[in-house]
Amino acid sequence: MPHTYITDIASHVGQEVELRGWLYNWRSSGKLKFILLRDGTGVIQCVLSKKEVSDEVWQASETLAQETSLILRGTVNQDDRAPGGYEIWLSNLQIVGPSVDYPITPKEHGDAFLLDHRHLWIRSRKQHAILRVRHQVVKTIRDYFDERGFTLLDAPIFTPAAAEGTTTLFETDYFGEKAYLSQSGQLYMEPACAAFGKVYCFGPTFRAEKSKTRKHLTEFWMVEPEVAFMDLEEDMELAEDFLCSILGRIIERCRPDLESLERDISRLELVQKPFPRISYKDAAKLLQEKGFNFKYGEDFGAPHEEVIGESFDRPVIVHHYPAAIKAFYMKKDPEDPSLSLSMDILAPEGYGEIVGGSQREDNLEALEAKIREHHLPREAFEWYLDVRRYGTFPHSGFGLGLERTVTWICGIRHIRETIPFPRLIYRLKP
């Protein structure tokens, strides 16, 4: 008998099928047992009647425990009273692998316990829904850029230089030389866009930040498009359209998952173009009006981003930050060199920054001066300077943090639930 997945069960009404999966839950009502089976694509109720099966099968059902792996055979019935509208009347039950004293029970568990058992925790309904949303966000990201003529180019994980500051680098020995885990693929996308015009990389990045906030991971995924001959205004427009496309696809394809997470989908449906835009200067004034002792020229912290984001019903673009607080590769505003041609997108509802981008410095002498000002090793950036030596051109790009975006979309509190196996400051396993 062919193996059938729960997600396809509606097309097999009245037919006998074979399901393979794990016991999610069960209850007994005299000579009937109601078994909830999950197989990764869904959960379905299966009914076992003592009078319809052999004594051997019934006795086997008496030994079932949470997460026992099973092969079940039975006939598909449509029943609006059953979870999902369908149920299986079983003719056979086979135990593949018993489960003894499964550690995650219906009672409340602490965060540390659940993270210690993350390899099992991802089987739960909530975690399953979050990671399904993550999967669809990843697919949407790739589809968006692939359908618009971008070329995917993978950036290296081992790098000789810092992109976002030398204090958050993971250093390693690379055959006798110092190397670092990549903070960003952006520096490599800049020469790539000189070759292909429109490019993006999508992969893991690393930050050695000793932060224990709910918004930080030491290993996270980021997508970073880079476009030749694109200025800051066009960069903001691209990021805006990109985010709207992600939200539209997720609402369309992941509504059941969002509903199971009790996400207020109406808040996501507000994410339409155009996004409100506010300069750093005006954002600083907003914070002061909200009661913050914030001084112009400081960088925004998480509480500042939350307040700014909560002031709008959709993501807000903050632009033209002071050049002194931004990365060396960001171009200064020709009309006011104290400002950078930079932008961040802050999500509403207190979720803060999800996108950071800028127009890149395309002047060789200016970039050399910035490398000196930031006390960066010149030799590590010679290849990067070549992009300006040989046919320099205006270009811009941004980075979107996958996990922060999924956290906001799912409406959950902590970023650690949005990646299958999170790496935190004090957590390296499982």
Protein backbone atom coordinates (compact mmCIF):
# COMPACT_ATOMS: atom_id res chain seq x y z
CA MET A 1 0.00 0.00 0.00
CA PRO A 2 1.47 3.41 -0.92
CA HIS A 3 2.48 5.76 1.88
CA THR A 4 0.14 8.78 2.18
CA TYR A 5 0.94 12.10 3.86
CA ILE A 6 -1.63 13.78 6.09
CA THR A 7 -1.52 16.94 3.98
CA ASP A 8 -2.87 14.91 1.03
CA ILE A 9 -5.56 13.05 2.96
CA ALA A 10 -8.52 14.98 1.49
CA SER A 11 -7.97 13.34 -1.88
CA HIS A 12 -8.31 9.83 -0.39
CA VAL A 13 -11.80 9.91 1.17
CA GLY A 14 -13.27 6.40 1.20
CA GLN A 15 -9.89 4.83 0.42
CA GLU A 16 -7.59 2.75 2.58
CA VAL A 17 -4.28 4.49 3.28
CA GLU A 18 -1.04 3.94 5.14
CA LEU A 19 0.25 6.71 7.39
CA ARG A 20 3.68 6.90 9.00
CA GLY A 21 4.44 9.22 11.86
CA TRP A 22 4.54 9.81 15.60
CA LEU A 23 1.96 9.72 18.38
CA TYR A 24 1.09 13.31 19.23
CA ASN A 25 -1.60 12.47 21.78
CA TRP A 26 -4.32 9.94 22.46
CA ARG A 27 -7.37 9.29 24.60
CA SER A 28 -9.50 6.25 25.30
CA SER A 29 -13.27 5.90 25.47
CA GLY A 30 -14.03 2.34 26.45
CA LYS A 31 -13.50 0.15 23.42
CA LEU A 32 -12.46 3.08 21.22
CA LYS A 33 -9.10 4.83 21.12
CA PHE A 34 -8.65 8.23 19.49
CA ILE A 35 -5.07 8.59 18.31
CA LEU A 36 -3.63 11.89 17.11
CA LEU A 37 -0.86 11.15 14.63
CA ARG A 38 1.57 13.73 13.27
CA ASP A 39 3.83 13.13 10.27
CA GLY A 40 5.46 16.51 9.74
CA THR A 41 2.83 17.68 7.25
CA GLY A 42 -0.05 17.79 9.69
CA VAL A 43 -1.96 16.10 12.51
CA ILE A 44 -4.95 13.78 12.04
CA GLN A 45 -7.26 11.85 14.32
CA CYS A 46 -7.26 8.08 13.93
CA VAL A 47 -9.94 5.89 15.51
CA LEU A 48 -9.13 2.40 16.74
CA SER A 49 -12.11 0.13 17.56
CA LYS A 50 -11.45 -2.98 19.62
CA LYS A 51 -14.02 -4.99 17.70
CA GLU A 52 -12.48 -4.08 14.32
CA VAL A 53 -8.89 -5.14 15.00
CA SER A 54 -7.05 -8.18 16.25
CA ASP A 55 -6.27 -8.72 19.94
CA GLU A 56 -2.58 -8.27 19.07
CA VAL A 57 -3.18 -4.84 17.57
CA TRP A 58 -5.37 -3.76 20.49
CA GLN A 59 -2.77 -4.91 23.02
CA ALA A 60 -0.07 -3.01 21.12
CA SER A 61 -2.19 0.14 21.35
CA GLU A 62 -2.25 -0.23 25.14
CA THR A 63 1.53 0.40 25.23
CA LEU A 64 1.48 3.65 23.27
CA ALA A 65 3.30 6.66 24.70
CA GLN A 66 3.93 10.20 23.47
CA GLU A 67 6.16 10.29 20.36
CA THR A 68 6.04 6.56 19.68
CA SER A 69 6.68 6.11 15.95
CA LEU A 70 3.93 4.26 14.13
CA ILE A 71 2.69 2.88 10.85
CA LEU A 72 -1.09 3.01 10.69
CA ARG A 73 -3.51 1.65 8.10
CA GLY A 74 -7.14 2.56 7.76
CA THR A 75 -9.95 4.13 5.76
CA VAL A 76 -10.32 7.88 5.34
CA ASN A 77 -13.65 9.34 6.45
CA GLN A 78 -14.79 12.92 6.16
CA ASP A 79 -16.15 14.13 9.49
CA ASP A 80 -16.61 17.80 10.32
CA ARG A 81 -16.43 17.00 14.02
CA ALA A 82 -12.89 15.68 13.72
CA PRO A 83 -9.86 17.99 13.91
CA GLY A 84 -9.16 19.10 10.34
CA GLY A 85 -12.44 17.59 9.07
CA TYR A 86 -11.07 14.10 8.39
CA GLU A 87 -10.30 11.00 10.42
CA ILE A 88 -8.92 7.50 9.80
CA TRP A 89 -10.75 4.38 10.95
CA LEU A 90 -7.88 2.02 11.62
CA SER A 91 -7.55 -1.58 10.55
CA ASN A 92 -3.95 -2.03 11.66
CA LEU A 93 -1.35 -0.43 13.92
CA GLN A 94 2.36 -1.16 13.92
CA ILE A 95 4.84 0.23 16.44
CA VAL A 96 8.13 1.12 14.75
CA GLY A 97 9.97 2.72 17.65
CA PRO A 98 8.76 2.98 21.25
CA SER A 99 9.13 6.19 23.25
CA VAL A 100 9.82 5.87 26.96
CA ASP A 101 9.50 8.82 29.36
CA TYR A 102 9.43 11.53 26.70
CA PRO A 103 10.84 14.55 28.55
CA ILE A 104 8.61 17.32 27.13
CA THR A 105 5.18 16.86 28.63
CA PRO A 106 2.04 19.04 28.49
CA LYS A 107 3.06 20.75 31.75
CA GLU A 108 4.94 24.06 31.71
CA HIS A 109 8.72 23.85 31.23
CA GLY A 110 11.34 26.53 31.77
CA ASP A 111 13.25 28.17 28.92
CA ALA A 112 16.55 26.50 29.83
CA PHE A 113 14.94 23.06 29.88
CA LEU A 114 13.27 23.58 26.50
CA LEU A 115 16.50 24.87 24.93
CA ASP A 116 18.41 21.88 26.33
CA HIS A 117 15.84 19.73 24.52
CA ARG A 118 15.55 21.87 21.41
CA HIS A 119 16.04 18.79 19.23
CA LEU A 120 12.72 17.52 20.65
CA TRP A 121 11.03 20.87 21.25
CA ILE A 122 10.82 21.53 17.51
CA ARG A 123 8.23 18.73 17.33
CA SER A 124 5.68 20.84 19.22
CA ARG A 125 2.86 22.63 17.43
CA LYS A 126 4.03 26.17 18.14
CA GLN A 127 7.63 25.55 17.15
CA HIS A 128 6.48 23.64 14.09
CA ALA A 129 4.35 26.60 12.99
CA ILE A 130 7.19 29.10 13.52
CA LEU A 131 9.66 27.04 11.51
CA ARG A 132 7.14 26.53 8.71
CA VAL A 133 6.78 30.31 8.49
CA ARG A 134 10.57 30.59 8.42
CA HIS A 135 10.70 28.11 5.54
CA GLN A 136 8.19 30.13 3.55
CA VAL A 137 10.02 33.40 4.25
CA VAL A 138 13.24 31.80 2.93
CA LYS A 139 11.46 30.59 -0.21
CA THR A 140 9.85 34.00 -0.76
CA ILE A 141 13.21 35.76 -0.41
CA ARG A 142 14.77 33.57 -3.07
CA ASP A 143 11.77 33.84 -5.38
CA TYR A 144 11.67 37.63 -5.06
CA PHE A 145 15.23 38.18 -6.18
CA ASP A 146 15.37 35.32 -8.68
CA GLU A 147 12.26 36.62 -10.45
CA ARG A 148 13.76 40.11 -10.74
CA GLY A 149 16.97 39.20 -12.47
CA PHE A 150 19.28 39.00 -9.44
CA THR A 151 22.08 36.43 -9.40
CA LEU A 152 22.73 34.49 -6.21
CA LEU A 153 26.42 34.49 -5.32
CA ASP A 154 27.61 32.87 -2.11
CA ALA A 155 29.90 34.89 0.12
CA PRO A 156 32.67 33.13 2.08
CA ILE A 157 32.30 32.27 5.75
CA PHE A 158 36.01 32.72 6.52
CA THR A 159 37.08 36.32 5.94
CA PRO A 160 40.27 38.32 6.55
CA ALA A 161 38.51 41.54 7.55
CA ALA A 162 35.69 43.09 9.54
CA ALA A 163 32.59 44.57 7.95
CA GLU A 164 30.69 45.74 11.02
CA GLY A 165 33.37 46.52 13.62
CA THR A 166 36.28 44.60 15.02
CA THR A 167 34.80 44.10 18.50
CA THR A 168 32.24 41.51 17.40
CA LEU A 169 34.48 39.16 15.43
CA PHE A 170 34.89 35.44 16.03
CA GLU A 171 38.58 34.87 15.44
CA THR A 172 40.01 31.55 14.30
CA ASP A 173 43.33 30.16 13.12
CA TYR A 174 43.42 29.65 9.37
CA PHE A 175 46.56 27.59 8.73
CA GLY A 176 48.72 30.00 10.71
CA GLU A 177 46.86 33.18 9.70
CA LYS A 178 44.13 35.02 11.53
CA ALA A 179 40.69 34.63 9.98
CA TYR A 180 37.23 35.58 11.14
CA LEU A 181 33.72 34.20 10.80
CA SER A 182 31.82 36.47 8.46
CA GLN A 183 29.77 39.31 9.93
CA SER A 184 28.26 40.05 6.53
CA GLY A 185 28.57 39.06 2.90
CA GLN A 186 28.14 42.64 1.75
CA LEU A 187 31.79 43.46 1.06
CA TYR A 188 31.87 40.54 -1.38
CA MET A 189 28.59 41.49 -3.03
CA GLU A 190 30.06 44.88 -4.01
CA PRO A 191 32.61 43.44 -6.49
CA ALA A 192 29.98 40.86 -7.45
CA CYS A 193 27.52 43.52 -8.58
CA ALA A 194 30.26 45.00 -10.78
CA ALA A 195 30.29 41.65 -12.56
CA PHE A 196 26.55 40.84 -12.61
CA GLY A 197 24.74 44.13 -11.99
CA LYS A 198 22.17 42.78 -9.49
CA VAL A 199 23.28 40.17 -6.97
CA TYR A 200 22.43 38.80 -3.56
CA CYS A 201 23.89 36.43 -1.00
CA PHE A 202 21.90 34.52 1.58
CA GLY A 203 23.57 32.63 4.35
CA PRO A 204 24.76 32.47 7.96
CA THR A 205 26.58 35.37 9.57
CA PHE A 206 28.22 35.65 12.98
CA ARG A 207 28.53 38.35 15.63
CA ALA A 208 30.50 37.87 18.85
CA GLU A 209 28.22 40.23 20.79
CA LYS A 210 28.04 39.47 24.48
CA SER A 211 24.36 40.23 24.50
CA LYS A 212 21.61 38.28 26.23
CA THR A 213 18.67 40.26 24.85
CA ARG A 214 15.67 38.62 23.20
CA LYS A 215 16.74 40.11 19.84
CA HIS A 216 20.27 38.72 19.53
CA LEU A 217 21.81 35.50 18.26
CA THR A 218 25.51 34.85 17.74
CA GLU A 219 24.72 32.98 14.50
CA PHE A 220 21.92 34.16 12.25
CA TRP A 221 20.95 34.26 8.59
CA MET A 222 20.92 37.36 6.45
CA VAL A 223 19.99 38.14 2.86
CA GLU A 224 22.03 40.93 1.27
CA PRO A 225 21.20 42.30 -2.19
CA GLU A 226 23.58 44.73 -3.91
CA VAL A 227 22.77 46.68 -7.07
CA ALA A 228 25.09 48.62 -9.38
CA PHE A 229 24.14 52.22 -10.21
CA MET A 230 21.48 52.29 -7.47
CA ASP A 231 21.30 55.26 -5.08
CA LEU A 232 19.89 55.50 -1.56
CA GLU A 233 16.39 56.45 -2.70
CA GLU A 234 16.17 53.42 -4.97
CA ASP A 235 17.64 51.27 -2.20
CA MET A 236 14.81 52.28 0.13
CA GLU A 237 12.24 51.59 -2.57
CA LEU A 238 13.67 48.12 -3.20
CA ALA A 239 13.67 47.23 0.50
CA GLU A 240 10.12 48.50 0.89
CA ASP A 241 8.82 46.46 -2.04
CA PHE A 242 10.76 43.42 -0.84
CA LEU A 243 9.18 43.51 2.61
CA CYS A 244 5.69 43.97 1.21
CA SER A 245 6.20 40.95 -1.04
CA ILE A 246 7.30 38.82 1.90
CA LEU A 247 4.29 39.79 4.00
CA GLY A 248 1.87 39.24 1.14
CA ARG A 249 3.16 35.75 0.45
CA ILE A 250 3.23 34.73 4.11
CA ILE A 251 -0.34 35.92 4.73
CA GLU A 252 -1.45 34.00 1.65
CA ARG A 253 0.37 30.74 2.34
CA CYS A 254 0.87 30.58 6.12
CA ARG A 255 -2.42 31.85 7.50
CA PRO A 256 -3.18 28.58 9.41
CA ASP A 257 0.27 28.71 11.02
CA LEU A 258 -0.16 32.37 11.96
CA GLU A 259 -3.60 31.63 13.39
CA SER A 260 -2.22 28.76 15.47
CA LEU A 261 0.34 31.23 16.85
CA GLU A 262 -2.56 33.59 17.66
CA ARG A 263 -0.92 36.27 15.54
CA ASP A 264 -3.04 39.36 14.85
CA ILE A 265 -2.93 39.06 11.06
CA SER A 266 -4.71 42.39 10.61
CA ARG A 267 -1.52 44.10 11.82
CA LEU A 268 0.47 42.37 9.07
CA GLU A 269 -2.13 43.30 6.45
CA LEU A 270 -1.37 46.97 7.16
CA VAL A 271 2.10 46.52 5.66
CA GLN A 272 1.56 48.27 2.35
CA LYS A 273 3.59 50.77 0.36
CA PRO A 274 4.56 53.49 0.88
CA PHE A 275 6.27 53.18 4.26
CA PRO A 276 6.55 56.31 6.39
CA ARG A 277 10.01 57.86 6.25
CA ILE A 278 11.71 59.88 8.94
CA SER A 279 15.21 61.31 9.15
CA TYR A 280 17.51 60.41 12.02
CA LYS A 281 17.25 64.03 13.18
CA ASP A 282 13.46 63.87 13.36
CA ALA A 283 13.61 60.43 14.99
CA ALA A 284 15.86 61.89 17.69
CA LYS A 285 13.31 64.66 18.26
CA LEU A 286 10.55 62.05 18.48
CA LEU A 287 12.45 60.21 21.22
CA GLN A 288 12.95 63.42 23.17
CA GLU A 289 9.24 64.17 22.87
CA LYS A 290 8.53 60.68 24.21
CA GLY A 291 10.58 61.44 27.33
CA PHE A 292 13.95 59.90 26.42
CA ASN A 293 17.14 61.70 27.44
CA PHE A 294 18.49 61.11 23.95
CA LYS A 295 21.32 63.21 22.52
CA TYR A 296 21.72 63.85 18.81
CA GLY A 297 24.65 61.81 17.50
CA GLU A 298 24.03 58.73 19.64
CA ASP A 299 23.08 55.44 18.07
CA PHE A 300 19.66 53.99 18.72
CA GLY A 301 19.39 51.17 21.22
CA ALA A 302 16.63 48.57 21.31
CA PRO A 303 14.31 50.72 23.50
CA HIS A 304 14.71 53.64 21.09
CA GLU A 305 13.95 51.50 18.04
CA GLU A 306 10.89 50.05 19.75
CA VAL A 307 9.43 53.47 20.54
CA ILE A 308 10.08 54.80 17.04
CA GLY A 309 8.57 51.69 15.46
CA GLU A 310 5.53 51.75 17.74
CA SER A 311 4.77 55.28 16.53
CA PHE A 312 3.67 53.90 13.14
CA ASP A 313 1.23 51.21 11.99
CA ARG A 314 3.69 49.71 9.51
CA PRO A 315 7.47 49.56 9.11
CA VAL A 316 9.17 52.95 9.16
CA ILE A 317 12.34 53.90 7.27
CA VAL A 318 14.82 55.99 9.27
CA HIS A 319 17.42 57.57 7.00
CA HIS A 320 20.48 59.86 6.99
CA TYR A 321 22.15 58.77 10.20
CA PRO A 322 25.24 60.67 11.41
CA ALA A 323 28.27 59.36 9.53
CA ALA A 324 30.23 59.05 12.78
CA ILE A 325 28.03 56.19 14.07
CA LYS A 326 27.83 54.24 10.82
CA ALA A 327 30.14 51.74 9.12
CA PHE A 328 33.20 52.83 7.14
CA TYR A 329 31.78 51.73 3.79
CA MET A 330 28.74 54.04 3.88
CA LYS A 331 28.91 57.07 1.62
CA LYS A 332 28.65 60.52 3.16
CA ASP A 333 25.88 62.83 2.02
CA PRO A 334 27.46 65.29 -0.46
CA GLU A 335 25.08 68.00 0.78
CA ASP A 336 26.00 67.42 4.44
CA PRO A 337 29.15 65.31 5.01
CA SER A 338 28.25 64.89 8.69
CA LEU A 339 25.47 62.55 7.53
CA SER A 340 25.64 59.19 5.80
CA LEU A 341 23.51 57.94 2.92
CA SER A 342 22.11 55.22 5.14
CA MET A 343 18.78 53.81 6.20
CA ASP A 344 17.26 51.31 8.60
CA ILE A 345 13.77 49.82 8.52
CA LEU A 346 12.17 49.42 11.95
CA ALA A 347 9.28 47.01 12.36
CA PRO A 348 6.19 48.12 14.28
CA GLU A 349 4.87 46.60 17.52
CA GLY A 350 8.23 47.00 19.23
CA TYR A 351 10.26 44.63 17.04
CA GLY A 352 12.90 47.17 16.02
CA GLU A 353 15.42 47.00 13.20
CA ILE A 354 14.95 44.30 10.56
CA VAL A 355 16.75 45.96 7.61
CA GLY A 356 19.91 48.04 7.44
CA GLY A 357 21.30 49.50 4.23
CA SER A 358 23.13 52.33 2.54
CA GLN A 359 24.67 53.73 -0.57
CA ARG A 360 28.31 52.60 -0.57
CA GLU A 361 31.35 54.85 -0.71
CA ASP A 362 32.53 54.71 -4.34
CA ASN A 363 35.38 57.24 -4.11
CA LEU A 364 38.79 55.58 -3.68
CA GLU A 365 40.43 58.36 -1.68
CA ALA A 366 37.44 58.78 0.62
CA LEU A 367 37.30 55.04 1.30
CA GLU A 368 41.04 54.89 2.03
CA ALA A 369 40.62 57.74 4.51
CA LYS A 370 37.76 55.92 6.24
CA ILE A 371 39.80 52.74 6.58
CA ARG A 372 42.48 54.79 8.33
CA GLU A 373 39.95 56.57 10.55
CA HIS A 374 38.48 53.26 11.68
CA HIS A 375 41.97 51.81 12.32
CA LEU A 376 41.33 48.90 9.98
CA PRO A 377 44.22 46.89 8.48
CA ARG A 378 44.81 48.33 5.01
CA GLU A 379 46.22 45.08 3.57
CA ALA A 380 43.01 43.18 4.39
CA PHE A 381 41.01 45.57 2.21
CA GLU A 382 43.23 45.92 -0.88
CA TRP A 383 40.93 43.65 -2.87
CA TYR A 384 37.94 45.74 -1.75
CA LEU A 385 39.66 48.95 -2.84
CA ASP A 386 40.18 47.44 -6.31
CA VAL A 387 36.44 47.85 -6.91
CA ARG A 388 37.06 51.61 -6.75
CA ARG A 389 40.32 51.51 -8.69
CA TYR A 390 38.95 49.76 -11.75
CA GLY A 391 35.74 51.36 -12.96
CA THR A 392 34.17 52.70 -9.78
CA PHE A 393 30.42 53.23 -9.84
CA PRO A 394 27.58 54.18 -7.46
CA HIS A 395 25.97 51.19 -5.81
CA SER A 396 23.74 50.40 -2.86
CA GLY A 397 22.34 47.49 -0.92
CA PHE A 398 20.92 46.32 2.36
CA GLY A 399 20.78 43.38 4.69
CA LEU A 400 17.63 41.79 6.10
CA GLY A 401 17.93 39.62 9.20
CA LEU A 402 15.90 36.48 8.65
CA GLU A 403 15.30 35.60 12.28
CA ARG A 404 14.29 39.12 13.33
CA THR A 405 11.87 39.24 10.42
CA VAL A 406 10.32 35.88 11.34
CA THR A 407 10.06 36.97 14.98
CA TRP A 408 8.03 40.00 13.92
CA ILE A 409 5.85 38.11 11.42
CA CYS A 410 5.01 35.40 13.96
CA GLY A 411 4.40 37.95 16.72
CA ILE A 412 6.55 36.05 19.23
CA ARG A 413 8.74 37.47 21.96
CA HIS A 414 12.14 35.81 21.57
CA ILE A 415 14.29 35.42 18.46
CA ARG A 416 15.69 32.07 19.63
CA GLU A 417 12.48 30.28 18.57
CA THR A 418 12.90 31.32 14.91
CA ILE A 419 15.98 29.24 14.11
CA PRO A 420 16.03 25.45 14.44
CA PHE A 421 19.08 25.27 16.71
CA PRO A 422 19.89 28.69 18.21
CA ARG A 423 23.38 29.79 19.15
CA LEU A 424 23.32 32.17 22.10
CA ILE A 425 26.05 33.69 24.21
CA TYR A 426 25.93 30.80 26.70
CA ARG A 427 24.56 28.08 24.43
CA LEU A 428 26.45 25.93 21.96
CA LYS A 429 24.28 22.80 22.05
CA PRO A 430 22.30 20.88 20.99
